[in-house]
Amino acid sequence: MDEFLRDIHTIIFKQWILSQDHKDYQISINPQNNNQILILTKYSHSEITFNNKNIIELSVTNTFNNEIEFYLHFQMRTLLHAIELFNEMLESIKKLIYKPITKILLSCSGGLTTSFFASKMNEAAKLLFFHYEASAIGYNELFNIGSEYDIILLAPQISFMHAKVQEILKDQIVLKIPPQVFAKYDVGKMISIIQEAMNNHKQISLTNHHSVSLKTSIQCKAPILCLGIIRNSNRVHIAYRLYGLHNHIILDKEIIKNTISIQDFYDVIDSILVQYPSVNMIGISVPGIIDDQSITSTNINGLDQINVQKSFAQRYKQKIIFSNDVNTAVVGYYASQKDYSSLALLFQPTSFFAGAGIIIDGQLITGRSNIAGEVQYLPLSLSEKPLYLNKTPEGAIELVSKIISCIMAIVDPDAIILFCTLITDIEELKDAISKIIPHSHIPDIIKIDNLNEYTLIGQMILCAQKQ
């Protein structure tokens, strides 16, 4: 688009936003910044910032818990596209017009005995004008949806799992329902316990992960833009990082949305390139099987129905490299250490298939058709289907122990790196593996809690190798 037209469209878009009128939120120019529009509700603070080169930022912050609910930036392309993104932003704002509901999840063995208790809690909350909403679920589904709730209540029959549930669902308040309260369906007492726990709960702000230092001589010859999807989240995040010469990090941010599509990748890339035209390579890490033409099973709208190489090549002059996210993660981890010459990184997400990245003697193994590491195809003998087992800590132990045993039997790496939120005790995992392979043959198993850092580093390395 001609820059003059971009300027005109941006001015029209700004005036169009200011002309919107709604009884539940206020729209105004920021008195301290004429290039910023504020949208305020009682429980949210939102900003539309108009930057140089017609780059527009949209953000929504939940003032009830200080979490960012929505963030993206794009360069003005068409008014229709800009309005579509603004409407997505409004959807997040509308959810915060009224006081956010405290979502409570009750769990027992099967979900039946807590269903009645949950309904009684909802009746009491409505009668007392509390902003509570209670639901009930069986233990097998607890870790699948637990992160979507504020408070987890464990019935007496599974209260012994309290420590493990709290360790896995770190951001939630996890409480035991006292037996006498559960037996009498004493909703009043339970609400008092919840209120006391909420008053005593101190919100711990998440600290940013420090960048992992590299122990490799690979360096960028020109700026490289790396993007990757963050999974295991209530919302979908596209993390992106711009590396400069000598691997210096110039930008390190992320897009936060409820759903993502190929257009979101375009928006990130377009807005970065207009600010940093010297970028000569773009690396994109996605889940799925990647070949020269297409990507299979990305869970990204529009990305697995096209010839990705051709589509991106037509849009950008920069060289584009697509990589499997677990392969880039193992490359990143390998480059951050000097202790192991061969290792495997296993990513077992909750309620999704696992993936493995394998390096042998410093060489990433991808295979003839790039399915090396697609452990979902292993013909394992399991008590249940994989997508059922990877919903609980007990099922994850069975599934992961058998996957690791297969990796050991085939490539026998020096170490196995594990990212699995459901497994908190590595010794318990090793005990399960030792039932298949003698304990003396089990390599070092190292649990990590930040896959994305290694993914971005690994993507940068794979790009730098091809500069």
Protein backbone atom coordinates (compact mmCIF):
# COMPACT_ATOMS: atom_id res chain seq x y z
CA MET A 1 0.00 0.00 0.00
CA ASP A 2 1.17 3.54 -0.78
CA GLU A 3 2.39 5.34 2.38
CA PHE A 4 0.03 8.24 1.73
CA LEU A 5 -2.92 5.85 1.72
CA ARG A 6 -1.64 4.21 4.93
CA ASP A 7 -1.55 7.63 6.57
CA ILE A 8 -5.10 8.40 5.44
CA HIS A 9 -6.44 5.02 6.55
CA THR A 10 -4.75 5.37 9.95
CA ILE A 11 -6.28 8.80 10.49
CA ILE A 12 -9.73 7.50 9.51
CA PHE A 13 -9.31 4.47 11.78
CA LYS A 14 -8.38 6.68 14.73
CA GLN A 15 -11.38 8.95 14.21
CA TRP A 16 -13.66 5.95 13.70
CA ILE A 17 -12.61 4.52 17.08
CA LEU A 18 -13.22 7.86 18.81
CA SER A 19 -16.69 8.01 17.26
CA GLN A 20 -17.72 4.71 18.84
CA ASP A 21 -20.15 5.15 21.69
CA HIS A 22 -21.04 2.58 24.34
CA LYS A 23 -22.69 2.97 27.71
CA ASP A 24 -20.41 0.38 29.35
CA TYR A 25 -17.00 1.83 28.47
CA GLN A 26 -15.38 5.20 27.92
CA ILE A 27 -13.28 6.03 24.85
CA SER A 28 -11.02 9.09 24.88
CA ILE A 29 -7.65 10.45 23.85
CA ASN A 30 -4.97 9.99 26.49
CA PRO A 31 -4.40 13.52 27.90
CA GLN A 32 -0.68 12.72 28.26
CA ASN A 33 -0.29 11.23 24.78
CA ASN A 34 -2.21 12.48 21.79
CA ASN A 35 -1.23 9.35 19.83
CA GLN A 36 -2.99 7.03 22.23
CA ILE A 37 -6.66 6.22 22.74
CA LEU A 38 -7.83 4.87 26.11
CA ILE A 39 -10.80 2.60 26.64
CA LEU A 40 -11.74 2.27 30.29
CA THR A 41 -14.13 0.05 32.17
CA LYS A 42 -14.32 -0.58 35.87
CA TYR A 43 -12.19 -3.70 35.52
CA SER A 44 -10.03 -3.05 32.48
CA HIS A 45 -7.59 -0.55 31.03
CA SER A 46 -7.11 -0.69 27.26
CA GLU A 47 -4.87 1.25 24.95
CA ILE A 48 -4.71 1.82 21.20
CA THR A 49 -1.34 3.39 20.42
CA PHE A 50 -0.51 4.92 17.04
CA ASN A 51 3.23 4.67 16.41
CA ASN A 52 5.51 5.78 13.61
CA LYS A 53 5.20 4.11 10.21
CA ASN A 54 1.48 3.50 10.88
CA ILE A 55 2.15 0.68 13.36
CA ILE A 56 -0.79 0.33 15.73
CA GLU A 57 -0.70 -1.44 19.11
CA LEU A 58 -3.79 -2.84 20.83
CA SER A 59 -3.71 -3.99 24.45
CA VAL A 60 -6.20 -4.93 27.15
CA THR A 61 -5.21 -5.24 30.82
CA ASN A 62 -7.45 -6.86 33.40
CA THR A 63 -7.20 -4.43 36.35
CA PHE A 64 -8.78 -6.99 38.67
CA ASN A 65 -5.70 -9.24 38.50
CA ASN A 66 -3.29 -7.06 36.46
CA GLU A 67 -3.02 -9.67 33.71
CA ILE A 68 -2.71 -8.78 30.03
CA GLU A 69 -5.73 -10.30 28.33
CA PHE A 70 -5.00 -9.16 24.78
CA TYR A 71 -2.03 -7.68 22.97
CA LEU A 72 -1.03 -7.32 19.34
CA HIS A 73 0.44 -4.85 16.90
CA PHE A 74 0.10 -4.45 13.17
CA GLN A 75 0.91 -2.06 10.38
CA MET A 76 -2.11 -0.45 8.78
CA ARG A 77 -2.97 -2.48 5.71
CA THR A 78 -6.69 -2.00 5.12
CA LEU A 79 -9.43 -0.44 7.20
CA LEU A 80 -11.33 -3.72 7.13
CA HIS A 81 -8.40 -5.60 8.66
CA ALA A 82 -7.87 -2.91 11.31
CA ILE A 83 -11.55 -2.94 12.28
CA GLU A 84 -11.52 -6.75 12.53
CA LEU A 85 -8.62 -6.59 15.01
CA PHE A 86 -10.30 -3.79 16.96
CA ASN A 87 -13.45 -5.90 17.25
CA GLU A 88 -11.36 -8.79 18.60
CA MET A 89 -10.02 -6.38 21.19
CA LEU A 90 -13.55 -5.29 22.10
CA GLU A 91 -14.51 -8.90 22.80
CA SER A 92 -11.86 -9.01 25.51
CA ILE A 93 -13.00 -5.65 26.88
CA LYS A 94 -16.66 -6.69 27.02
CA LYS A 95 -15.75 -9.61 29.27
CA LEU A 96 -14.36 -7.11 31.78
CA ILE A 97 -17.23 -4.63 31.88
CA TYR A 98 -18.56 -6.21 35.06
CA LYS A 99 -16.60 -7.59 37.97
CA PRO A 100 -14.87 -10.77 36.80
CA ILE A 101 -16.51 -13.87 38.16
CA THR A 102 -14.40 -15.98 40.48
CA LYS A 103 -14.51 -19.38 38.83
CA ILE A 104 -14.50 -22.33 41.23
CA LEU A 105 -13.91 -25.92 40.16
CA LEU A 106 -14.86 -28.81 42.43
CA SER A 107 -13.30 -32.18 41.73
CA CYS A 108 -13.80 -35.69 43.04
CA SER A 109 -13.13 -39.14 41.65
CA GLY A 110 -15.84 -39.02 39.01
CA GLY A 111 -17.45 -35.60 39.37
CA LEU A 112 -20.85 -36.86 40.50
CA THR A 113 -20.63 -36.23 44.24
CA THR A 114 -19.36 -32.69 43.71
CA SER A 115 -21.99 -31.73 41.11
CA PHE A 116 -24.72 -31.29 43.73
CA PHE A 117 -22.35 -29.34 45.98
CA ALA A 118 -21.45 -27.05 43.05
CA SER A 119 -25.12 -26.37 42.27
CA LYS A 120 -25.76 -25.48 45.94
CA MET A 121 -22.79 -23.10 45.90
CA ASN A 122 -24.18 -21.38 42.80
CA GLU A 123 -27.56 -20.97 44.49
CA ALA A 124 -25.92 -19.42 47.56
CA ALA A 125 -23.70 -17.13 45.47
CA LYS A 126 -26.73 -15.83 43.59
CA LEU A 127 -28.69 -15.31 46.81
CA LEU A 128 -25.78 -13.48 48.50
CA PHE A 129 -24.78 -11.51 45.38
CA PHE A 130 -21.30 -13.07 45.29
CA HIS A 131 -19.50 -13.13 41.94
CA TYR A 132 -18.85 -16.85 42.16
CA GLU A 133 -19.48 -19.55 39.60
CA ALA A 134 -18.94 -23.19 40.57
CA SER A 135 -18.56 -26.22 38.33
CA ALA A 136 -17.74 -29.86 39.00
CA ILE A 137 -15.45 -32.24 37.15
CA GLY A 138 -13.97 -35.67 37.56
CA TYR A 139 -10.32 -36.02 38.54
CA ASN A 140 -9.41 -37.27 35.06
CA GLU A 141 -10.38 -33.89 33.58
CA LEU A 142 -9.03 -31.69 36.40
CA PHE A 143 -5.66 -30.88 34.83
CA ASN A 144 -7.17 -30.47 31.39
CA ILE A 145 -9.31 -27.47 32.39
CA GLY A 146 -8.08 -26.55 35.89
CA SER A 147 -5.94 -23.66 34.65
CA GLU A 148 -9.12 -21.93 33.44
CA TYR A 149 -10.37 -21.56 37.03
CA ASP A 150 -9.35 -19.38 39.97
CA ILE A 151 -10.00 -21.84 42.79
CA ILE A 152 -9.80 -25.63 42.86
CA LEU A 153 -11.70 -27.53 45.57
CA LEU A 154 -10.75 -31.15 46.15
CA ALA A 155 -13.31 -33.53 47.62
CA PRO A 156 -12.18 -35.58 50.64
CA GLN A 157 -11.63 -38.76 48.58
CA ILE A 158 -8.90 -37.07 46.53
CA SER A 159 -7.65 -34.56 49.12
CA PHE A 160 -4.41 -36.57 49.45
CA MET A 161 -3.56 -35.18 45.98
CA HIS A 162 -3.54 -31.59 47.27
CA ALA A 163 0.24 -31.05 47.16
CA LYS A 164 0.59 -32.49 43.66
CA VAL A 165 -2.40 -30.57 42.29
CA GLN A 166 -1.05 -27.30 43.73
CA GLU A 167 2.40 -27.97 42.26
CA ILE A 168 0.93 -28.54 38.80
CA LEU A 169 -1.70 -25.77 38.92
CA LYS A 170 0.68 -23.18 40.36
CA ASP A 171 -1.43 -20.14 39.53
CA GLN A 172 -4.63 -21.41 41.17
CA ILE A 173 -5.71 -21.53 44.81
CA VAL A 174 -6.13 -25.23 45.65
CA LEU A 175 -8.15 -26.12 48.75
CA LYS A 176 -9.32 -29.31 50.44
CA ILE A 177 -13.01 -29.53 51.20
CA PRO A 178 -13.19 -30.51 54.91
CA PRO A 179 -14.99 -33.88 55.33
CA GLN A 180 -17.61 -32.42 57.68
CA VAL A 181 -18.35 -29.61 55.23
CA PHE A 182 -18.66 -32.04 52.33
CA ALA A 183 -20.83 -34.48 54.27
CA LYS A 184 -23.34 -31.78 55.24
CA TYR A 185 -23.08 -29.77 52.00
CA ASP A 186 -22.29 -26.82 54.26
CA VAL A 187 -22.11 -24.20 51.53
CA GLY A 188 -21.90 -21.28 53.96
CA LYS A 189 -18.82 -22.69 55.66
CA MET A 190 -17.20 -23.47 52.31
CA ILE A 191 -17.74 -19.92 51.06
CA SER A 192 -16.15 -18.61 54.26
CA ILE A 193 -13.13 -20.85 53.68
CA ILE A 194 -12.86 -19.61 50.10
CA GLN A 195 -13.06 -15.95 51.13
CA GLU A 196 -10.40 -16.42 53.81
CA ALA A 197 -8.10 -18.16 51.32
CA MET A 198 -8.58 -15.38 48.77
CA ASN A 199 -7.84 -12.71 51.36
CA ASN A 200 -4.68 -14.50 52.46
CA HIS A 201 -3.54 -15.31 48.95
CA LYS A 202 -0.75 -13.08 47.77
CA GLN A 203 -0.60 -12.76 44.03
CA ILE A 204 2.95 -13.59 43.02
CA SER A 205 3.99 -11.77 39.89
CA LEU A 206 5.62 -14.01 37.34
CA THR A 207 9.23 -13.12 36.79
CA ASN A 208 10.55 -13.04 33.28
CA HIS A 209 12.76 -15.95 32.38
CA HIS A 210 16.34 -14.90 31.91
CA SER A 211 17.79 -15.57 28.52
CA VAL A 212 19.82 -18.75 28.41
CA SER A 213 23.48 -18.17 27.64
CA LEU A 214 24.88 -20.04 24.66
CA LYS A 215 27.96 -22.22 24.72
CA THR A 216 28.38 -22.24 20.98
CA SER A 217 30.31 -20.14 18.49
CA ILE A 218 27.34 -19.64 16.13
CA GLN A 219 26.50 -15.97 15.66
CA CYS A 220 24.07 -13.99 13.53
CA LYS A 221 25.63 -12.29 10.50
CA ALA A 222 22.52 -10.14 10.04
CA PRO A 223 19.35 -9.59 12.10
CA ILE A 224 17.12 -12.67 12.42
CA LEU A 225 13.45 -12.60 13.44
CA CYS A 226 12.25 -15.73 15.29
CA LEU A 227 8.63 -16.59 16.08
CA GLY A 228 7.10 -19.45 18.02
CA ILE A 229 3.77 -20.55 19.46
CA ILE A 230 3.43 -20.94 23.21
CA ARG A 231 1.12 -23.83 24.03
CA ASN A 232 -0.30 -25.00 27.40
CA SER A 233 -2.08 -21.70 27.97
CA ASN A 234 -5.62 -20.42 28.36
CA ARG A 235 -4.85 -17.99 25.56
CA VAL A 236 -2.64 -18.46 22.55
CA HIS A 237 0.67 -16.61 22.53
CA ILE A 238 2.99 -15.95 19.62
CA ALA A 239 6.39 -15.23 21.11
CA TYR A 240 8.80 -13.36 18.89
CA ARG A 241 12.38 -12.29 19.29
CA LEU A 242 14.63 -10.22 17.08
CA TYR A 243 18.30 -11.17 17.23
CA GLY A 244 20.96 -8.74 16.08
CA LEU A 245 24.64 -9.23 15.36
CA HIS A 246 26.49 -11.42 17.89
CA ASN A 247 23.10 -12.85 19.01
CA HIS A 248 22.16 -9.62 20.78
CA ILE A 249 18.43 -9.53 21.57
CA ILE A 250 16.88 -6.38 20.11
CA LEU A 251 13.20 -7.21 20.75
CA ASP A 252 11.56 -9.85 22.92
CA LYS A 253 7.75 -9.73 23.02
CA GLU A 254 4.62 -11.77 22.45
CA ILE A 255 1.18 -11.50 20.92
CA ILE A 256 -1.71 -12.58 23.18
CA LYS A 257 -5.04 -13.62 21.68
CA ASN A 258 -7.81 -16.15 22.19
CA THR A 259 -7.18 -17.72 18.78
CA ILE A 260 -4.52 -17.24 16.15
CA SER A 261 -4.37 -17.49 12.38
CA ILE A 262 -1.77 -17.12 9.67
CA GLN A 263 -2.68 -13.42 9.45
CA ASP A 264 -1.36 -12.91 12.99
CA PHE A 265 2.04 -14.12 11.84
CA TYR A 266 1.86 -11.73 8.90
CA ASP A 267 1.00 -8.83 11.21
CA VAL A 268 3.99 -9.49 13.48
CA ILE A 269 6.41 -9.90 10.59
CA ASP A 270 5.11 -6.87 8.68
CA SER A 271 5.37 -4.52 11.64
CA ILE A 272 8.89 -5.72 12.55
CA LEU A 273 10.21 -5.49 9.00
CA VAL A 274 9.03 -1.93 8.56
CA GLN A 275 11.03 -0.97 11.68
CA TYR A 276 14.02 -3.22 10.99
CA PRO A 277 14.41 -3.55 7.21
CA SER A 278 17.89 -5.12 7.59
CA VAL A 279 16.33 -8.42 8.75
CA ASN A 280 17.35 -10.98 6.14
CA MET A 281 15.95 -14.18 7.62
CA ILE A 282 12.80 -15.20 9.48
CA GLY A 283 12.46 -18.42 11.48
CA ILE A 284 9.06 -19.77 12.52
CA SER A 285 8.68 -22.62 15.00
CA VAL A 286 5.35 -24.45 14.90
CA PRO A 287 4.02 -27.82 16.03
CA GLY A 288 3.51 -30.34 13.27
CA ILE A 289 5.29 -32.25 10.54
CA ILE A 290 7.08 -29.93 8.15
CA ASP A 291 8.14 -30.71 4.58
CA ASP A 292 9.15 -28.56 1.62
CA GLN A 293 5.57 -27.76 0.70
CA SER A 294 3.29 -27.89 3.71
CA ILE A 295 2.86 -28.28 7.45
CA THR A 296 0.64 -30.93 8.98
CA SER A 297 -1.28 -30.49 12.27
CA THR A 298 -0.29 -26.96 13.28
CA ASN A 299 -3.61 -26.04 14.89
CA ILE A 300 -3.20 -22.62 13.25
CA ASN A 301 -6.07 -21.44 11.09
CA GLY A 302 -4.91 -21.19 7.50
CA LEU A 303 -1.38 -22.49 7.94
CA ASP A 304 -1.88 -26.16 7.23
CA GLN A 305 -4.05 -25.69 4.15
CA ILE A 306 -1.48 -23.90 1.98
CA ASN A 307 1.92 -24.30 0.40
CA VAL A 308 3.63 -22.35 3.16
CA GLN A 309 6.97 -21.95 1.46
CA LYS A 310 5.38 -20.54 -1.69
CA SER A 311 2.93 -18.34 0.23
CA PHE A 312 5.59 -16.72 2.42
CA ALA A 313 8.09 -16.46 -0.45
CA GLN A 314 5.55 -14.50 -2.48
CA ARG A 315 4.96 -12.11 0.42
CA TYR A 316 8.52 -11.60 1.74
CA LYS A 317 11.94 -11.23 0.16
CA GLN A 318 13.59 -12.53 3.33
CA LYS A 319 14.45 -16.20 3.57
CA ILE A 320 11.82 -18.05 5.62
CA ILE A 321 12.66 -21.18 7.61
CA PHE A 322 9.88 -23.25 9.20
CA SER A 323 10.93 -25.68 11.92
CA ASN A 324 9.20 -28.11 14.25
CA ASP A 325 8.96 -26.51 17.69
CA VAL A 326 10.43 -29.45 19.61
CA ASN A 327 13.31 -29.77 17.15
CA THR A 328 14.18 -26.11 17.67
CA ALA A 329 13.90 -26.59 21.44
CA VAL A 330 16.39 -29.46 21.48
CA VAL A 331 18.80 -27.42 19.33
CA GLY A 332 18.49 -24.54 21.78
CA TYR A 333 19.06 -26.74 24.81
CA TYR A 334 22.02 -28.49 23.20
CA ALA A 335 23.68 -25.14 22.48
CA SER A 336 23.24 -24.04 26.10
CA GLN A 337 25.34 -26.86 27.59
CA LYS A 338 28.59 -28.79 27.09
CA ASP A 339 27.94 -31.90 29.19
CA TYR A 340 26.16 -34.06 26.61
CA SER A 341 26.97 -34.86 22.99
CA SER A 342 23.69 -36.72 22.43
CA LEU A 343 20.34 -35.93 23.97
CA ALA A 344 16.61 -36.11 23.43
CA LEU A 345 14.04 -33.49 24.45
CA LEU A 346 10.52 -34.79 25.07
CA PHE A 347 7.58 -32.39 25.19
CA GLN A 348 4.45 -34.00 26.61
CA PRO A 349 1.67 -31.38 26.76
CA THR A 350 -1.56 -31.94 28.65
CA SER A 351 -4.29 -33.38 26.40
CA PHE A 352 -2.15 -33.28 23.25
CA PHE A 353 0.22 -35.68 21.53
CA ALA A 354 3.88 -35.61 22.56
CA GLY A 355 6.83 -34.72 20.39
CA ALA A 356 10.55 -35.38 20.70
CA GLY A 357 13.63 -33.66 19.34
CA ILE A 358 16.77 -35.82 19.07
CA ILE A 359 20.42 -34.84 18.66
CA ILE A 360 23.06 -37.55 18.19
CA ASP A 361 26.74 -36.55 18.25
CA GLY A 362 25.77 -32.93 17.68
CA GLN A 363 23.50 -33.68 14.71
CA LEU A 364 19.75 -32.98 14.74
CA ILE A 365 17.88 -36.07 13.55
CA THR A 366 14.85 -35.26 11.41
CA GLY A 367 14.62 -38.33 9.17
CA ARG A 368 13.79 -38.83 5.51
CA SER A 369 10.35 -37.22 5.70
CA ASN A 370 10.76 -35.21 8.92
CA ILE A 371 8.78 -37.54 11.16
CA ALA A 372 11.71 -38.45 13.41
CA GLY A 373 10.57 -37.59 16.92
CA GLU A 374 6.85 -37.93 16.15
CA VAL A 375 6.40 -40.29 19.07
CA GLN A 376 2.62 -40.27 18.64
CA TYR A 377 3.20 -42.98 16.03
CA LEU A 378 4.87 -45.38 18.47
CA PRO A 379 2.78 -48.59 18.74
CA LEU A 380 2.89 -48.58 22.54
CA SER A 381 1.10 -51.02 24.78
CA LEU A 382 -0.89 -48.70 27.03
CA SER A 383 -3.70 -49.11 29.53
CA GLU A 384 -5.65 -46.31 27.80
CA LYS A 385 -5.33 -44.14 24.71
CA PRO A 386 -2.53 -41.52 24.89
CA LEU A 387 -4.94 -38.56 24.86
CA TYR A 388 -6.66 -40.04 27.92
CA LEU A 389 -3.47 -40.84 29.82
CA ASN A 390 -1.90 -37.41 29.35
CA LYS A 391 -4.69 -35.74 31.33
CA THR A 392 -3.49 -36.88 34.78
CA PRO A 393 -0.12 -37.19 36.57
CA GLU A 394 -0.60 -40.94 36.93
CA GLY A 395 -1.39 -41.39 33.26
CA ALA A 396 1.49 -39.14 32.24
CA ILE A 397 3.91 -41.28 34.22
CA GLU A 398 2.79 -44.39 32.32
CA LEU A 399 2.84 -42.69 28.93
CA VAL A 400 6.10 -40.76 29.32
CA SER A 401 7.96 -43.72 30.87
CA LYS A 402 7.13 -45.89 27.86
CA ILE A 403 8.01 -43.17 25.34
CA ILE A 404 11.35 -42.56 27.06
CA SER A 405 12.01 -46.31 27.16
CA CYS A 406 11.54 -46.43 23.38
CA ILE A 407 13.89 -43.48 22.87
CA MET A 408 16.49 -45.14 25.10
CA ALA A 409 16.23 -48.46 23.29
CA ILE A 410 16.66 -46.85 19.87
CA VAL A 411 19.18 -44.01 20.33
CA ASP A 412 20.41 -44.35 23.96
CA PRO A 413 21.13 -40.62 24.51
CA ASP A 414 23.38 -39.21 27.22
CA ALA A 415 20.44 -37.30 28.69
CA ILE A 416 16.72 -36.82 28.26
CA ILE A 417 15.26 -33.36 28.74
CA LEU A 418 11.60 -33.36 29.77
CA PHE A 419 8.94 -30.68 29.60
CA CYS A 420 5.73 -32.04 31.13
CA THR A 421 3.76 -30.05 33.69
CA LEU A 422 1.95 -33.16 34.92
CA ILE A 423 5.14 -34.89 36.08
CA THR A 424 6.62 -33.33 39.20
CA ASP A 425 8.77 -36.18 40.54
CA ILE A 426 11.59 -37.43 38.29
CA GLU A 427 12.40 -40.30 40.66
CA GLU A 428 8.84 -41.58 40.29
CA LEU A 429 9.31 -41.45 36.53
CA LYS A 430 12.61 -43.32 36.75
CA ASP A 431 10.98 -46.02 38.89
CA ALA A 432 8.37 -46.52 36.15
CA ILE A 433 11.07 -46.70 33.46
CA SER A 434 13.06 -49.23 35.52
CA LYS A 435 10.16 -51.67 35.19
CA ILE A 436 10.98 -51.77 31.46
CA ILE A 437 14.72 -51.06 31.28
CA PRO A 438 17.23 -51.77 34.10
CA HIS A 439 17.73 -48.73 36.30
CA SER A 440 21.50 -48.72 35.64
CA HIS A 441 20.86 -47.92 31.97
CA ILE A 442 18.63 -44.90 32.61
CA PRO A 443 20.41 -41.67 31.54
CA ASP A 444 20.17 -38.31 33.23
CA ILE A 445 16.60 -37.01 33.06
CA ILE A 446 16.37 -33.24 33.41
CA LYS A 447 13.05 -31.47 33.85
CA ILE A 448 12.68 -27.96 32.42
CA ASP A 449 9.83 -25.49 32.90
CA ASN A 450 10.46 -23.05 30.04
CA LEU A 451 10.35 -24.65 26.62
CA ASN A 452 9.85 -21.40 24.75
CA GLU A 453 13.25 -19.95 25.65
CA TYR A 454 15.02 -22.92 24.08
CA THR A 455 12.68 -22.88 21.08
CA LEU A 456 13.56 -19.29 20.17
CA ILE A 457 17.29 -19.88 20.70
CA GLY A 458 17.18 -23.04 18.62
CA GLN A 459 15.29 -21.31 15.82
CA MET A 460 17.90 -18.56 15.75
CA ILE A 461 20.71 -21.13 15.52
CA LEU A 462 19.06 -23.02 12.66
CA CYS A 463 18.63 -19.73 10.80
CA ALA A 464 22.17 -18.53 11.53
CA GLN A 465 23.57 -21.77 10.12
CA LYS A 466 21.96 -20.93 6.79
CA GLN A 467 22.93 -17.27 6.55
